[in-house]
Amino acid sequence: MNWIDYLLIIATAVALCFSLVLLVGAPYVPTLPKQTKAALDEVAAMDGKPLLYELGSGDGTVMKAAAQRDIRSIGYELNPIVWLISKARLWKYR
């Protein structure tokens, strides 16, 4: 196999990851910064130490913003590629 075959295999795997998620869930659509700020303002106003559950956490943008505001969060993502991106972005916030 040459490098073109490997590239085709990788491209097919990426396409499958994104297309199979469409069969069982919503597509990846990033949250706008304005929406993120408004949502986290509401969570931060809660009494005690709130815990944010994010279903379809995508690339971890909202979870990163929550961590920067000292809000604990747990995210769930079906797409393995986007999940890996999120894991890498949030590594230092474990």
C-alpha atoms as a PDB file:
ATOM      1  CA  MET A   1       0.000   0.000   0.000  1.00  0.00           C
ATOM      2  CA  ASN A   2       1.235   3.467  -0.814  1.00  0.00           C
ATOM      3  CA  TRP A   3       0.551   6.754   0.966  1.00  0.00           C
ATOM      4  CA  ILE A   4      -2.505   7.479  -1.202  1.00  0.00           C
ATOM      5  CA  ASP A   5      -4.151   4.284   0.021  1.00  0.00           C
ATOM      6  CA  TYR A   6      -3.480   5.266   3.632  1.00  0.00           C
ATOM      7  CA  LEU A   7      -4.864   8.738   2.987  1.00  0.00           C
ATOM      8  CA  LEU A   8      -8.025   7.207   1.493  1.00  0.00           C
ATOM      9  CA  ILE A   9      -8.444   4.929   4.504  1.00  0.00           C
ATOM     10  CA  ILE A  10      -8.069   7.868   6.918  1.00  0.00           C
ATOM     11  CA  ALA A  11     -10.493  10.025   4.918  1.00  0.00           C
ATOM     12  CA  THR A  12     -13.023   7.183   4.863  1.00  0.00           C
ATOM     13  CA  ALA A  13     -12.685   6.667   8.624  1.00  0.00           C
ATOM     14  CA  VAL A  14     -13.236  10.389   9.284  1.00  0.00           C
ATOM     15  CA  ALA A  15     -16.249  10.465   6.969  1.00  0.00           C
ATOM     16  CA  LEU A  16     -17.713   7.396   8.677  1.00  0.00           C
ATOM     17  CA  CYS A  17     -17.266   8.890  12.137  1.00  0.00           C
ATOM     18  CA  PHE A  18     -19.167  12.020  11.184  1.00  0.00           C
ATOM     19  CA  SER A  19     -21.843  10.275   9.102  1.00  0.00           C
ATOM     20  CA  LEU A  20     -22.576   7.486  11.604  1.00  0.00           C
ATOM     21  CA  VAL A  21     -23.129  10.037  14.352  1.00  0.00           C
ATOM     22  CA  LEU A  22     -25.842  11.609  12.196  1.00  0.00           C
ATOM     23  CA  LEU A  23     -27.765   8.329  12.375  1.00  0.00           C
ATOM     24  CA  VAL A  24     -27.890   8.313  16.169  1.00  0.00           C
ATOM     25  CA  GLY A  25     -27.620  11.969  17.138  1.00  0.00           C
ATOM     26  CA  ALA A  26     -27.343  15.574  16.117  1.00  0.00           C
ATOM     27  CA  PRO A  27     -24.538  16.901  13.904  1.00  0.00           C
ATOM     28  CA  TYR A  28     -21.638  18.890  15.328  1.00  0.00           C
ATOM     29  CA  VAL A  29     -22.628  22.563  15.500  1.00  0.00           C
ATOM     30  CA  PRO A  30     -20.393  24.816  17.646  1.00  0.00           C
ATOM     31  CA  THR A  31     -21.935  27.037  20.317  1.00  0.00           C
ATOM     32  CA  LEU A  32     -21.491  30.757  19.729  1.00  0.00           C
ATOM     33  CA  PRO A  33     -19.374  32.681  22.279  1.00  0.00           C
ATOM     34  CA  LYS A  34     -22.343  34.910  23.158  1.00  0.00           C
ATOM     35  CA  GLN A  35     -24.474  31.833  23.934  1.00  0.00           C
ATOM     36  CA  THR A  36     -21.666  30.278  25.973  1.00  0.00           C
ATOM     37  CA  LYS A  37     -21.259  33.415  28.080  1.00  0.00           C
ATOM     38  CA  ALA A  38     -25.006  33.730  28.702  1.00  0.00           C
ATOM     39  CA  ALA A  39     -25.336  30.080  29.735  1.00  0.00           C
ATOM     40  CA  LEU A  40     -22.320  30.183  32.044  1.00  0.00           C
ATOM     41  CA  ASP A  41     -23.530  33.431  33.629  1.00  0.00           C
ATOM     42  CA  GLU A  42     -26.719  31.573  34.609  1.00  0.00           C
ATOM     43  CA  VAL A  43     -24.787  28.594  35.976  1.00  0.00           C
ATOM     44  CA  ALA A  44     -22.375  30.814  37.916  1.00  0.00           C
ATOM     45  CA  ALA A  45     -25.328  32.596  39.566  1.00  0.00           C
ATOM     46  CA  MET A  46     -26.508  29.336  41.158  1.00  0.00           C
ATOM     47  CA  ASP A  47     -25.982  28.699  44.858  1.00  0.00           C
ATOM     48  CA  GLY A  48     -23.231  26.335  45.949  1.00  0.00           C
ATOM     49  CA  LYS A  49     -20.771  24.737  43.547  1.00  0.00           C
ATOM     50  CA  PRO A  50     -22.772  23.844  40.433  1.00  0.00           C
ATOM     51  CA  LEU A  51     -21.968  20.918  38.154  1.00  0.00           C
ATOM     52  CA  LEU A  52     -22.620  21.411  34.444  1.00  0.00           C
ATOM     53  CA  TYR A  53     -23.540  18.376  32.328  1.00  0.00           C
ATOM     54  CA  GLU A  54     -23.097  19.037  28.636  1.00  0.00           C
ATOM     55  CA  LEU A  55     -24.742  16.579  26.270  1.00  0.00           C
ATOM     56  CA  GLY A  56     -23.048  16.761  22.888  1.00  0.00           C
ATOM     57  CA  SER A  57     -20.010  18.578  24.238  1.00  0.00           C
ATOM     58  CA  GLY A  58     -18.329  18.752  20.830  1.00  0.00           C
ATOM     59  CA  ASP A  59     -14.808  20.133  20.859  1.00  0.00           C
ATOM     60  CA  GLY A  60     -15.024  21.203  24.513  1.00  0.00           C
ATOM     61  CA  THR A  61     -15.399  24.952  24.000  1.00  0.00           C
ATOM     62  CA  VAL A  62     -18.165  25.353  26.589  1.00  0.00           C
ATOM     63  CA  MET A  63     -16.418  23.037  29.051  1.00  0.00           C
ATOM     64  CA  LYS A  64     -13.178  24.999  28.688  1.00  0.00           C
ATOM     65  CA  ALA A  65     -15.001  28.277  29.322  1.00  0.00           C
ATOM     66  CA  ALA A  66     -16.673  26.689  32.364  1.00  0.00           C
ATOM     67  CA  ALA A  67     -13.333  25.462  33.719  1.00  0.00           C
ATOM     68  CA  GLN A  68     -11.864  28.940  33.315  1.00  0.00           C
ATOM     69  CA  ARG A  69     -14.723  30.238  35.478  1.00  0.00           C
ATOM     70  CA  ASP A  70     -14.172  27.513  38.084  1.00  0.00           C
ATOM     71  CA  ILE A  71     -17.378  25.669  37.161  1.00  0.00           C
ATOM     72  CA  ARG A  72     -17.112  21.892  37.205  1.00  0.00           C
ATOM     73  CA  SER A  73     -18.433  20.199  34.077  1.00  0.00           C
ATOM     74  CA  ILE A  74     -18.899  16.760  32.561  1.00  0.00           C
ATOM     75  CA  GLY A  75     -19.379  16.418  28.815  1.00  0.00           C
ATOM     76  CA  TYR A  76     -20.688  13.606  26.626  1.00  0.00           C
ATOM     77  CA  GLU A  77     -19.891  13.295  22.926  1.00  0.00           C
ATOM     78  CA  LEU A  78     -20.687  10.530  20.419  1.00  0.00           C
ATOM     79  CA  ASN A  79     -18.289  11.570  17.665  1.00  0.00           C
ATOM     80  CA  PRO A  80     -14.890  10.028  18.455  1.00  0.00           C
ATOM     81  CA  ILE A  81     -12.895  12.567  16.436  1.00  0.00           C
ATOM     82  CA  VAL A  82     -14.469  15.597  18.096  1.00  0.00           C
ATOM     83  CA  TRP A  83     -14.179  13.813  21.461  1.00  0.00           C
ATOM     84  CA  LEU A  84     -10.414  13.438  20.949  1.00  0.00           C
ATOM     85  CA  ILE A  85     -10.131  17.140  20.126  1.00  0.00           C
ATOM     86  CA  SER A  86     -12.055  17.960  23.310  1.00  0.00           C
ATOM     87  CA  LYS A  87      -9.883  15.625  25.375  1.00  0.00           C
ATOM     88  CA  ALA A  88      -6.721  17.315  24.076  1.00  0.00           C
ATOM     89  CA  ARG A  89      -8.077  20.855  24.644  1.00  0.00           C
ATOM     90  CA  LEU A  90      -9.177  20.109  28.206  1.00  0.00           C
ATOM     91  CA  TRP A  91      -6.238  18.004  29.328  1.00  0.00           C
ATOM     92  CA  LYS A  92      -4.864  20.651  31.688  1.00  0.00           C
ATOM     93  CA  TYR A  93      -8.287  21.097  33.380  1.00  0.00           C
ATOM     94  CA  ARG A  94      -8.734  17.393  34.260  1.00  0.00           C
END
